[in-house]
Amino acid sequence: MSDTLSRLAEVLEQRKQAGAESSYVASLHAKGLNKILEKVGEECTETLLAAKDCQHSEDKSDLIYETADLWFHSLVMLSHLGLGPEDVLKELERRFDLSGLAEKAARQHK
């Protein structure tokens, strides 16, 4: 599974260097962090709406589609800030043996 994220991260890094007129990812980077964050927010809202809609539906395809868009734009955001999926995966790995309640309590004391 993380192989897909790694491959996508490589493509996103390559596209950062492309011309903004020939690459959607390059055009986002050229517009700056605020535009990227706007897209992440937009995709987050669309994901939430799709989740709400599929709650009582057999068809979950819109939720999967919107979540993919959210993940994609989140990876663009991370890339813009010099991070990648491996950074998030390391944090998830760090939390693996922690109680969710204990982890949350530790964050509140920082």
PDB file of N, CA and C in Angstrom:
ATOM      1  N   MET A   1       0.825  -1.195   0.000  1.00  0.00           N
ATOM      2  CA  MET A   1       0.000   0.000   0.000  1.00  0.00           C
ATOM      3  C   MET A   1       0.868   1.257   0.000  1.00  0.00           C
ATOM      4  N   SER A   2       1.899   1.291   0.839  1.00  0.00           N
ATOM      5  CA  SER A   2       2.729   2.491   0.883  1.00  0.00           C
ATOM      6  C   SER A   2       3.534   2.658  -0.404  1.00  0.00           C
ATOM      7  N   ASP A   3       3.684   1.585  -1.189  1.00  0.00           N
ATOM      8  CA  ASP A   3       4.360   1.694  -2.479  1.00  0.00           C
ATOM      9  C   ASP A   3       3.610   2.660  -3.395  1.00  0.00           C
ATOM     10  N   THR A   4       2.303   2.617  -3.364  1.00  0.00           N
ATOM     11  CA  THR A   4       1.497   3.535  -4.176  1.00  0.00           C
ATOM     12  C   THR A   4       1.741   4.971  -3.729  1.00  0.00           C
ATOM     13  N   LEU A   5       1.783   5.197  -2.417  1.00  0.00           N
ATOM     14  CA  LEU A   5       2.045   6.547  -1.903  1.00  0.00           C
ATOM     15  C   LEU A   5       3.448   7.001  -2.294  1.00  0.00           C
ATOM     16  N   SER A   6       4.419   6.114  -2.217  1.00  0.00           N
ATOM     17  CA  SER A   6       5.796   6.458  -2.599  1.00  0.00           C
ATOM     18  C   SER A   6       5.890   6.820  -4.073  1.00  0.00           C
ATOM     19  N   ARG A   7       5.241   6.023  -4.904  1.00  0.00           N
ATOM     20  CA  ARG A   7       5.255   6.300  -6.351  1.00  0.00           C
ATOM     21  C   ARG A   7       4.570   7.628  -6.646  1.00  0.00           C
ATOM     22  N   LEU A   8       3.447   7.882  -5.988  1.00  0.00           N
ATOM     23  CA  LEU A   8       2.750   9.151  -6.188  1.00  0.00           C
ATOM     24  C   LEU A   8       3.619  10.315  -5.718  1.00  0.00           C
ATOM     25  N   ALA A   9       4.288  10.161  -4.581  1.00  0.00           N
ATOM     26  CA  ALA A   9       5.167  11.220  -4.073  1.00  0.00           C
ATOM     27  C   ALA A   9       6.278  11.530  -5.072  1.00  0.00           C
ATOM     28  N   GLU A  10       6.832  10.505  -5.699  1.00  0.00           N
ATOM     29  CA  GLU A  10       7.878  10.714  -6.713  1.00  0.00           C
ATOM     30  C   GLU A  10       7.336  11.510  -7.891  1.00  0.00           C
ATOM     31  N   VAL A  11       6.158  11.147  -8.351  1.00  0.00           N
ATOM     32  CA  VAL A  11       5.550  11.866  -9.481  1.00  0.00           C
ATOM     33  C   VAL A  11       5.276  13.316  -9.089  1.00  0.00           C
ATOM     34  N   LEU A  12       4.767  13.535  -7.879  1.00  0.00           N
ATOM     35  CA  LEU A  12       4.480  14.907  -7.433  1.00  0.00           C
ATOM     36  C   LEU A  12       5.757  15.741  -7.384  1.00  0.00           C
ATOM     37  N   GLU A  13       6.851  15.144  -6.926  1.00  0.00           N
ATOM     38  CA  GLU A  13       8.126  15.872  -6.887  1.00  0.00           C
ATOM     39  C   GLU A  13       8.595  16.222  -8.299  1.00  0.00           C
ATOM     40  N   GLN A  14       8.444  15.295  -9.230  1.00  0.00           N
ATOM     41  CA  GLN A  14       8.830  15.555 -10.620  1.00  0.00           C
ATOM     42  C   GLN A  14       7.969  16.661 -11.223  1.00  0.00           C
ATOM     43  N   ARG A  15       6.695  16.634 -10.951  1.00  0.00           N
ATOM     44  CA  ARG A  15       5.783  17.615 -11.535  1.00  0.00           C
ATOM     45  C   ARG A  15       5.994  19.007 -10.953  1.00  0.00           C
ATOM     46  N   LYS A  16       6.562  19.090  -9.759  1.00  0.00           N
ATOM     47  CA  LYS A  16       6.870  20.392  -9.155  1.00  0.00           C
ATOM     48  C   LYS A  16       7.765  21.209 -10.087  1.00  0.00           C
ATOM     49  N   GLN A  17       8.621  20.514 -10.803  1.00  0.00           N
ATOM     50  CA  GLN A  17       9.597  21.168 -11.675  1.00  0.00           C
ATOM     51  C   GLN A  17       9.050  21.441 -13.074  1.00  0.00           C
ATOM     52  N   ALA A  18       7.872  20.932 -13.374  1.00  0.00           N
ATOM     53  CA  ALA A  18       7.289  21.104 -14.710  1.00  0.00           C
ATOM     54  C   ALA A  18       6.770  22.532 -14.876  1.00  0.00           C
ATOM     55  N   GLY A  19       6.420  22.854 -16.065  1.00  0.00           N
ATOM     56  CA  GLY A  19       5.835  24.154 -16.342  1.00  0.00           C
ATOM     57  C   GLY A  19       4.402  24.198 -15.854  1.00  0.00           C
ATOM     58  N   ALA A  20       4.021  25.328 -15.275  1.00  0.00           N
ATOM     59  CA  ALA A  20       2.671  25.477 -14.723  1.00  0.00           C
ATOM     60  C   ALA A  20       1.594  25.326 -15.794  1.00  0.00           C
ATOM     61  N   GLU A  21       1.941  25.612 -17.036  1.00  0.00           N
ATOM     62  CA  GLU A  21       0.959  25.506 -18.115  1.00  0.00           C
ATOM     63  C   GLU A  21       0.757  24.062 -18.573  1.00  0.00           C
ATOM     64  N   SER A  22       1.684  23.168 -18.190  1.00  0.00           N
ATOM     65  CA  SER A  22       1.572  21.777 -18.646  1.00  0.00           C
ATOM     66  C   SER A  22       1.277  20.785 -17.522  1.00  0.00           C
ATOM     67  N   SER A  23       1.244  21.253 -16.267  1.00  0.00           N
ATOM     68  CA  SER A  23       1.035  20.341 -15.145  1.00  0.00           C
ATOM     69  C   SER A  23       0.139  20.985 -14.084  1.00  0.00           C
ATOM     70  N   TYR A  24      -0.915  20.270 -13.721  1.00  0.00           N
ATOM     71  CA  TYR A  24      -1.812  20.745 -12.665  1.00  0.00           C
ATOM     72  C   TYR A  24      -1.051  20.915 -11.351  1.00  0.00           C
ATOM     73  N   VAL A  25      -0.219  19.947 -11.008  1.00  0.00           N
ATOM     74  CA  VAL A  25       0.556  20.018  -9.760  1.00  0.00           C
ATOM     75  C   VAL A  25       1.494  21.224  -9.786  1.00  0.00           C
ATOM     76  N   ALA A  26       2.189  21.426 -10.889  1.00  0.00           N
ATOM     77  CA  ALA A  26       3.083  22.581 -11.006  1.00  0.00           C
ATOM     78  C   ALA A  26       2.303  23.883 -10.898  1.00  0.00           C
ATOM     79  N   SER A  27       1.104  23.909 -11.460  1.00  0.00           N
ATOM     80  CA  SER A  27       0.305  25.138 -11.383  1.00  0.00           C
ATOM     81  C   SER A  27      -0.115  25.427  -9.943  1.00  0.00           C
ATOM     82  N   LEU A  28      -0.413  24.388  -9.174  1.00  0.00           N
ATOM     83  CA  LEU A  28      -0.730  24.596  -7.755  1.00  0.00           C
ATOM     84  C   LEU A  28       0.479  25.145  -7.004  1.00  0.00           C
ATOM     85  N   HIS A  29       1.647  24.554  -7.240  1.00  0.00           N
ATOM     86  CA  HIS A  29       2.861  25.040  -6.580  1.00  0.00           C
ATOM     87  C   HIS A  29       3.155  26.490  -6.969  1.00  0.00           C
ATOM     88  N   ALA A  30       2.941  26.818  -8.230  1.00  0.00           N
ATOM     89  CA  ALA A  30       3.197  28.183  -8.699  1.00  0.00           C
ATOM     90  C   ALA A  30       2.259  29.189  -8.023  1.00  0.00           C
ATOM     91  N   LYS A  31       1.052  28.758  -7.717  1.00  0.00           N
ATOM     92  CA  LYS A  31       0.080  29.647  -7.071  1.00  0.00           C
ATOM     93  C   LYS A  31       0.338  29.796  -5.574  1.00  0.00           C
ATOM     94  N   GLY A  32       1.122  28.882  -5.007  1.00  0.00           N
ATOM     95  CA  GLY A  32       1.539  29.016  -3.620  1.00  0.00           C
ATOM     96  C   GLY A  32       0.714  28.224  -2.621  1.00  0.00           C
ATOM     97  N   LEU A  33       1.178  28.281  -1.385  1.00  0.00           N
ATOM     98  CA  LEU A  33       0.585  27.481  -0.321  1.00  0.00           C
ATOM     99  C   LEU A  33      -0.890  27.796  -0.096  1.00  0.00           C
ATOM    100  N   ASN A  34      -1.257  29.065  -0.134  1.00  0.00           N
ATOM    101  CA  ASN A  34      -2.664  29.400   0.129  1.00  0.00           C
ATOM    102  C   ASN A  34      -3.609  28.720  -0.860  1.00  0.00           C
ATOM    103  N   LYS A  35      -3.239  28.658  -2.125  1.00  0.00           N
ATOM    104  CA  LYS A  35      -4.073  27.990  -3.133  1.00  0.00           C
ATOM    105  C   LYS A  35      -4.129  26.493  -2.861  1.00  0.00           C
ATOM    106  N   ILE A  36      -2.997  25.913  -2.484  1.00  0.00           N
ATOM    107  CA  ILE A  36      -2.969  24.483  -2.169  1.00  0.00           C
ATOM    108  C   ILE A  36      -3.865  24.198  -0.963  1.00  0.00           C
ATOM    109  N   LEU A  37      -3.777  25.037   0.065  1.00  0.00           N
ATOM    110  CA  LEU A  37      -4.609  24.858   1.258  1.00  0.00           C
ATOM    111  C   LEU A  37      -6.089  25.025   0.927  1.00  0.00           C
ATOM    112  N   GLU A  38      -6.387  25.938   0.028  1.00  0.00           N
ATOM    113  CA  GLU A  38      -7.769  26.121  -0.423  1.00  0.00           C
ATOM    114  C   GLU A  38      -8.289  24.833  -1.055  1.00  0.00           C
ATOM    115  N   LYS A  39      -7.457  24.193  -1.878  1.00  0.00           N
ATOM    116  CA  LYS A  39      -7.852  22.939  -2.521  1.00  0.00           C
ATOM    117  C   LYS A  39      -8.023  21.830  -1.490  1.00  0.00           C
ATOM    118  N   VAL A  40      -7.142  21.754  -0.495  1.00  0.00           N
ATOM    119  CA  VAL A  40      -7.279  20.743   0.553  1.00  0.00           C
ATOM    120  C   VAL A  40      -8.599  20.957   1.297  1.00  0.00           C
ATOM    121  N   GLY A  41      -8.911  22.203   1.626  1.00  0.00           N
ATOM    122  CA  GLY A  41     -10.165  22.505   2.303  1.00  0.00           C
ATOM    123  C   GLY A  41     -11.378  22.146   1.468  1.00  0.00           C
ATOM    124  N   GLU A  42     -11.314  22.466   0.192  1.00  0.00           N
ATOM    125  CA  GLU A  42     -12.412  22.142  -0.726  1.00  0.00           C
ATOM    126  C   GLU A  42     -12.624  20.631  -0.796  1.00  0.00           C
ATOM    127  N   GLU A  43     -11.520  19.896  -0.931  1.00  0.00           N
ATOM    128  CA  GLU A  43     -11.621  18.437  -1.026  1.00  0.00           C
ATOM    129  C   GLU A  43     -12.081  17.833   0.294  1.00  0.00           C
ATOM    130  N   CYS A  44     -11.688  18.435   1.399  1.00  0.00           N
ATOM    131  CA  CYS A  44     -12.144  17.972   2.709  1.00  0.00           C
ATOM    132  C   CYS A  44     -13.661  18.110   2.816  1.00  0.00           C
ATOM    133  N   THR A  45     -14.172  19.253   2.419  1.00  0.00           N
ATOM    134  CA  THR A  45     -15.615  19.479   2.461  1.00  0.00           C
ATOM    135  C   THR A  45     -16.344  18.493   1.558  1.00  0.00           C
ATOM    136  N   GLU A  46     -15.831  18.280   0.365  1.00  0.00           N
ATOM    137  CA  GLU A  46     -16.458  17.339  -0.566  1.00  0.00           C
ATOM    138  C   GLU A  46     -16.427  15.913  -0.012  1.00  0.00           C
ATOM    139  N   THR A  47     -15.353  15.556   0.690  1.00  0.00           N
ATOM    140  CA  THR A  47     -15.260  14.236   1.303  1.00  0.00           C
ATOM    141  C   THR A  47     -16.293  14.084   2.414  1.00  0.00           C
ATOM    142  N   LEU A  48     -16.429  15.124   3.228  1.00  0.00           N
ATOM    143  CA  LEU A  48     -17.424  15.075   4.310  1.00  0.00           C
ATOM    144  C   LEU A  48     -18.840  14.924   3.757  1.00  0.00           C
ATOM    145  N   LEU A  49     -19.146  15.678   2.722  1.00  0.00           N
ATOM    146  CA  LEU A  49     -20.477  15.594   2.114  1.00  0.00           C
ATOM    147  C   LEU A  49     -20.726  14.209   1.502  1.00  0.00           C
ATOM    148  N   ALA A  50     -19.695  13.660   0.857  1.00  0.00           N
ATOM    149  CA  ALA A  50     -19.837  12.323   0.267  1.00  0.00           C
ATOM    150  C   ALA A  50     -20.036  11.275   1.358  1.00  0.00           C
ATOM    151  N   ALA A  51     -19.342  11.423   2.485  1.00  0.00           N
ATOM    152  CA  ALA A  51     -19.511  10.486   3.601  1.00  0.00           C
ATOM    153  C   ALA A  51     -20.932  10.554   4.141  1.00  0.00           C
ATOM    154  N   LYS A  52     -21.430  11.761   4.280  1.00  0.00           N
ATOM    155  CA  LYS A  52     -22.801  11.944   4.769  1.00  0.00           C
ATOM    156  C   LYS A  52     -23.799  11.309   3.793  1.00  0.00           C
ATOM    157  N   ASP A  53     -23.588  11.533   2.496  1.00  0.00           N
ATOM    158  CA  ASP A  53     -24.492  10.989   1.482  1.00  0.00           C
ATOM    159  C   ASP A  53     -24.461   9.463   1.431  1.00  0.00           C
ATOM    160  N   CYS A  54     -23.300   8.868   1.673  1.00  0.00           N
ATOM    161  CA  CYS A  54     -23.216   7.413   1.519  1.00  0.00           C
ATOM    162  C   CYS A  54     -23.611   6.666   2.786  1.00  0.00           C
ATOM    163  N   GLN A  55     -23.898   7.389   3.841  1.00  0.00           N
ATOM    164  CA  GLN A  55     -24.274   6.750   5.096  1.00  0.00           C
ATOM    165  C   GLN A  55     -25.450   5.783   4.921  1.00  0.00           C
ATOM    166  N   HIS A  56     -26.385   6.151   4.086  1.00  0.00           N
ATOM    167  CA  HIS A  56     -27.575   5.327   3.884  1.00  0.00           C
ATOM    168  C   HIS A  56     -27.654   4.792   2.457  1.00  0.00           C
ATOM    169  N   SER A  57     -26.488   4.640   1.829  1.00  0.00           N
ATOM    170  CA  SER A  57     -26.450   4.207   0.436  1.00  0.00           C
ATOM    171  C   SER A  57     -25.549   2.985   0.295  1.00  0.00           C
ATOM    172  N   GLU A  58     -25.868   2.163  -0.664  1.00  0.00           N
ATOM    173  CA  GLU A  58     -25.017   1.017  -0.992  1.00  0.00           C
ATOM    174  C   GLU A  58     -23.780   1.473  -1.774  1.00  0.00           C
ATOM    175  N   ASP A  59     -23.908   2.572  -2.504  1.00  0.00           N
ATOM    176  CA  ASP A  59     -22.842   3.063  -3.377  1.00  0.00           C
ATOM    177  C   ASP A  59     -21.881   3.956  -2.595  1.00  0.00           C
ATOM    178  N   LYS A  60     -20.676   3.481  -2.426  1.00  0.00           N
ATOM    179  CA  LYS A  60     -19.647   4.218  -1.686  1.00  0.00           C
ATOM    180  C   LYS A  60     -18.621   4.856  -2.625  1.00  0.00           C
ATOM    181  N   SER A  61     -18.864   4.793  -3.919  1.00  0.00           N
ATOM    182  CA  SER A  61     -17.869   5.235  -4.901  1.00  0.00           C
ATOM    183  C   SER A  61     -17.553   6.728  -4.804  1.00  0.00           C
ATOM    184  N   ASP A  62     -18.560   7.562  -4.537  1.00  0.00           N
ATOM    185  CA  ASP A  62     -18.284   9.000  -4.411  1.00  0.00           C
ATOM    186  C   ASP A  62     -17.373   9.282  -3.218  1.00  0.00           C
ATOM    187  N   LEU A  63     -17.581   8.576  -2.132  1.00  0.00           N
ATOM    188  CA  LEU A  63     -16.731   8.762  -0.960  1.00  0.00           C
ATOM    189  C   LEU A  63     -15.295   8.352  -1.260  1.00  0.00           C
ATOM    190  N   ILE A  64     -15.114   7.254  -1.947  1.00  0.00           N
ATOM    191  CA  ILE A  64     -13.764   6.806  -2.317  1.00  0.00           C
ATOM    192  C   ILE A  64     -13.115   7.817  -3.249  1.00  0.00           C
ATOM    193  N   TYR A  65     -13.857   8.295  -4.228  1.00  0.00           N
ATOM    194  CA  TYR A  65     -13.348   9.279  -5.195  1.00  0.00           C
ATOM    195  C   TYR A  65     -12.918  10.561  -4.483  1.00  0.00           C
ATOM    196  N   GLU A  66     -13.778  11.074  -3.607  1.00  0.00           N
ATOM    197  CA  GLU A  66     -13.468  12.331  -2.915  1.00  0.00           C
ATOM    198  C   GLU A  66     -12.322  12.156  -1.916  1.00  0.00           C
ATOM    199  N   THR A  67     -12.244  11.000  -1.270  1.00  0.00           N
ATOM    200  CA  THR A  67     -11.136  10.744  -0.357  1.00  0.00           C
ATOM    201  C   THR A  67      -9.821  10.680  -1.132  1.00  0.00           C
ATOM    202  N   ALA A  68      -9.847  10.094  -2.313  1.00  0.00           N
ATOM    203  CA  ALA A  68      -8.647  10.069  -3.158  1.00  0.00           C
ATOM    204  C   ALA A  68      -8.216  11.494  -3.510  1.00  0.00           C
ATOM    205  N   ASP A  69      -9.171  12.356  -3.850  1.00  0.00           N
ATOM    206  CA  ASP A  69      -8.851  13.764  -4.133  1.00  0.00           C
ATOM    207  C   ASP A  69      -8.258  14.450  -2.908  1.00  0.00           C
ATOM    208  N   LEU A  70      -8.826  14.172  -1.738  1.00  0.00           N
ATOM    209  CA  LEU A  70      -8.319  14.761  -0.502  1.00  0.00           C
ATOM    210  C   LEU A  70      -6.892  14.300  -0.218  1.00  0.00           C
ATOM    211  N   TRP A  71      -6.649  13.015  -0.351  1.00  0.00           N
ATOM    212  CA  TRP A  71      -5.298  12.496  -0.130  1.00  0.00           C
ATOM    213  C   TRP A  71      -4.324  13.101  -1.134  1.00  0.00           C
ATOM    214  N   PHE A  72      -4.734  13.167  -2.395  1.00  0.00           N
ATOM    215  CA  PHE A  72      -3.871  13.725  -3.443  1.00  0.00           C
ATOM    216  C   PHE A  72      -3.466  15.159  -3.098  1.00  0.00           C
ATOM    217  N   HIS A  73      -4.451  15.986  -2.784  1.00  0.00           N
ATOM    218  CA  HIS A  73      -4.147  17.390  -2.498  1.00  0.00           C
ATOM    219  C   HIS A  73      -3.384  17.544  -1.186  1.00  0.00           C
ATOM    220  N   SER A  74      -3.610  16.638  -0.241  1.00  0.00           N
ATOM    221  CA  SER A  74      -2.820  16.650   0.995  1.00  0.00           C
ATOM    222  C   SER A  74      -1.363  16.318   0.693  1.00  0.00           C
ATOM    223  N   LEU A  75      -1.130  15.405  -0.225  1.00  0.00           N
ATOM    224  CA  LEU A  75       0.240  15.074  -0.618  1.00  0.00           C
ATOM    225  C   LEU A  75       0.908  16.238  -1.350  1.00  0.00           C
ATOM    226  N   VAL A  76       0.142  16.964  -2.155  1.00  0.00           N
ATOM    227  CA  VAL A  76       0.682  18.165  -2.803  1.00  0.00           C
ATOM    228  C   VAL A  76       1.077  19.180  -1.732  1.00  0.00           C
ATOM    229  N   MET A  77       0.239  19.360  -0.708  1.00  0.00           N
ATOM    230  CA  MET A  77       0.537  20.279   0.395  1.00  0.00           C
ATOM    231  C   MET A  77       1.815  19.853   1.106  1.00  0.00           C
ATOM    232  N   LEU A  78       1.921  18.576   1.436  1.00  0.00           N
ATOM    233  CA  LEU A  78       3.123  18.092   2.110  1.00  0.00           C
ATOM    234  C   LEU A  78       4.351  18.334   1.246  1.00  0.00           C
ATOM    235  N   SER A  79       4.242  18.034  -0.031  1.00  0.00           N
ATOM    236  CA  SER A  79       5.356  18.229  -0.960  1.00  0.00           C
ATOM    237  C   SER A  79       5.786  19.690  -1.005  1.00  0.00           C
ATOM    238  N   HIS A  80       4.819  20.569  -1.031  1.00  0.00           N
ATOM    239  CA  HIS A  80       5.117  22.009  -1.075  1.00  0.00           C
ATOM    240  C   HIS A  80       5.913  22.436   0.148  1.00  0.00           C
ATOM    241  N   LEU A  81       5.687  21.752   1.259  1.00  0.00           N
ATOM    242  CA  LEU A  81       6.355  22.092   2.517  1.00  0.00           C
ATOM    243  C   LEU A  81       7.565  21.212   2.802  1.00  0.00           C
ATOM    244  N   GLY A  82       8.012  20.474   1.772  1.00  0.00           N
ATOM    245  CA  GLY A  82       9.220  19.664   1.905  1.00  0.00           C
ATOM    246  C   GLY A  82       9.019  18.362   2.670  1.00  0.00           C
ATOM    247  N   LEU A  83       7.781  17.905   2.727  1.00  0.00           N
ATOM    248  CA  LEU A  83       7.461  16.662   3.422  1.00  0.00           C
ATOM    249  C   LEU A  83       6.863  15.672   2.438  1.00  0.00           C
ATOM    250  N   GLY A  84       6.646  14.453   2.889  1.00  0.00           N
ATOM    251  CA  GLY A  84       6.048  13.452   2.030  1.00  0.00           C
ATOM    252  C   GLY A  84       5.266  12.443   2.831  1.00  0.00           C
ATOM    253  N   PRO A  85       4.688  11.473   2.146  1.00  0.00           N
ATOM    254  CA  PRO A  85       3.865  10.481   2.838  1.00  0.00           C
ATOM    255  C   PRO A  85       4.645   9.696   3.889  1.00  0.00           C
ATOM    256  N   GLU A  86       5.943   9.509   3.666  1.00  0.00           N
ATOM    257  CA  GLU A  86       6.744   8.765   4.638  1.00  0.00           C
ATOM    258  C   GLU A  86       6.753   9.454   5.997  1.00  0.00           C
ATOM    259  N   ASP A  87       6.677  10.783   6.012  1.00  0.00           N
ATOM    260  CA  ASP A  87       6.644  11.516   7.276  1.00  0.00           C
ATOM    261  C   ASP A  87       5.353  11.221   8.045  1.00  0.00           C
ATOM    262  N   VAL A  88       4.255  11.158   7.330  1.00  0.00           N
ATOM    263  CA  VAL A  88       2.966  10.854   7.962  1.00  0.00           C
ATOM    264  C   VAL A  88       2.936   9.390   8.390  1.00  0.00           C
ATOM    265  N   LEU A  89       3.445   8.503   7.537  1.00  0.00           N
ATOM    266  CA  LEU A  89       3.468   7.083   7.887  1.00  0.00           C
ATOM    267  C   LEU A  89       4.331   6.832   9.123  1.00  0.00           C
ATOM    268  N   LYS A  90       5.446   7.538   9.252  1.00  0.00           N
ATOM    269  CA  LYS A  90       6.291   7.401  10.445  1.00  0.00           C
ATOM    270  C   LYS A  90       5.533   7.832  11.696  1.00  0.00           C
ATOM    271  N   GLU A  91       4.768   8.907  11.586  1.00  0.00           N
ATOM    272  CA  GLU A  91       3.990   9.363  12.742  1.00  0.00           C
ATOM    273  C   GLU A  91       2.903   8.351  13.096  1.00  0.00           C
ATOM    274  N   LEU A  92       2.240   7.797  12.091  1.00  0.00           N
ATOM    275  CA  LEU A  92       1.232   6.771  12.359  1.00  0.00           C
ATOM    276  C   LEU A  92       1.882   5.538  12.997  1.00  0.00           C
ATOM    277  N   GLU A  93       3.054   5.180  12.519  1.00  0.00           N
ATOM    278  CA  GLU A  93       3.791   4.039  13.071  1.00  0.00           C
ATOM    279  C   GLU A  93       4.151   4.310  14.537  1.00  0.00           C
ATOM    280  N   ARG A  94       4.563   5.530  14.831  1.00  0.00           N
ATOM    281  CA  ARG A  94       4.910   5.895  16.205  1.00  0.00           C
ATOM    282  C   ARG A  94       3.712   5.719  17.134  1.00  0.00           C
ATOM    283  N   ARG A  95       2.544   6.008  16.638  1.00  0.00           N
ATOM    284  CA  ARG A  95       1.330   5.927  17.445  1.00  0.00           C
ATOM    285  C   ARG A  95       0.765   4.514  17.558  1.00  0.00           C
ATOM    286  N   PHE A  96       1.307   3.586  16.812  1.00  0.00           N
ATOM    287  CA  PHE A  96       0.706   2.268  16.669  1.00  0.00           C
ATOM    288  C   PHE A  96       0.447   1.567  17.999  1.00  0.00           C
ATOM    289  N   ASP A  97       1.378   1.634  18.927  1.00  0.00           N
ATOM    290  CA  ASP A  97       1.207   0.936  20.198  1.00  0.00           C
ATOM    291  C   ASP A  97       0.675   1.830  21.305  1.00  0.00           C
ATOM    292  N   LEU A  98       0.244   3.021  20.956  1.00  0.00           N
ATOM    293  CA  LEU A  98      -0.298   3.942  21.944  1.00  0.00           C
ATOM    294  C   LEU A  98      -1.809   3.827  22.013  1.00  0.00           C
ATOM    295  N   SER A  99      -2.326   4.006  23.191  1.00  0.00           N
ATOM    296  CA  SER A  99      -3.769   4.145  23.335  1.00  0.00           C
ATOM    297  C   SER A  99      -4.157   5.475  22.715  1.00  0.00           C
ATOM    298  N   GLY A 100      -5.235   5.497  21.971  1.00  0.00           N
ATOM    299  CA  GLY A 100      -5.700   6.749  21.372  1.00  0.00           C
ATOM    300  C   GLY A 100      -5.978   7.808  22.419  1.00  0.00           C
ATOM    301  N   LEU A 101      -6.524   7.413  23.542  1.00  0.00           N
ATOM    302  CA  LEU A 101      -6.813   8.362  24.614  1.00  0.00           C
ATOM    303  C   LEU A 101      -5.523   8.888  25.240  1.00  0.00           C
ATOM    304  N   ALA A 102      -4.533   8.009  25.422  1.00  0.00           N
ATOM    305  CA  ALA A 102      -3.254   8.443  25.993  1.00  0.00           C
ATOM    306  C   ALA A 102      -2.528   9.383  25.033  1.00  0.00           C
ATOM    307  N   GLU A 103      -2.576   9.079  23.747  1.00  0.00           N
ATOM    308  CA  GLU A 103      -1.913   9.938  22.753  1.00  0.00           C
ATOM    309  C   GLU A 103      -2.555  11.309  22.741  1.00  0.00           C
ATOM    310  N   LYS A 104      -3.863  11.367  22.781  1.00  0.00           N
ATOM    311  CA  LYS A 104      -4.570  12.637  22.780  1.00  0.00           C
ATOM    312  C   LYS A 104      -4.256  13.437  24.045  1.00  0.00           C
ATOM    313  N   ALA A 105      -4.217  12.786  25.188  1.00  0.00           N
ATOM    314  CA  ALA A 105      -3.888  13.462  26.443  1.00  0.00           C
ATOM    315  C   ALA A 105      -2.477  14.017  26.410  1.00  0.00           C
ATOM    316  N   ALA A 106      -1.536  13.286  25.815  1.00  0.00           N
ATOM    317  CA  ALA A 106      -0.151  13.760  25.728  1.00  0.00           C
ATOM    318  C   ALA A 106      -0.047  15.013  24.879  1.00  0.00           C
ATOM    319  N   ARG A 107      -0.849  15.092  23.809  1.00  0.00           N
ATOM    320  CA  ARG A 107      -0.840  16.288  22.954  1.00  0.00           C
ATOM    321  C   ARG A 107      -1.387  17.503  23.674  1.00  0.00           C
ATOM    322  N   GLN A 108      -2.343  17.299  24.540  1.00  0.00           N
ATOM    323  CA  GLN A 108      -2.965  18.419  25.243  1.00  0.00           C
ATOM    324  C   GLN A 108      -2.031  19.040  26.278  1.00  0.00           C
ATOM    325  N   HIS A 109      -0.998  18.327  26.685  1.00  0.00           N
ATOM    326  CA  HIS A 109      -0.062  18.835  27.675  1.00  0.00           C
ATOM    327  C   HIS A 109       1.147  19.522  27.058  1.00  0.00           C
ATOM    328  N   LYS A 110       1.183  19.627  25.756  1.00  0.00           N
ATOM    329  CA  LYS A 110       2.326  20.280  25.092  1.00  0.00           C
ATOM    330  C   LYS A 110       2.161  21.766  25.072  1.00  0.00           C
TER     331      LYS A 110
END
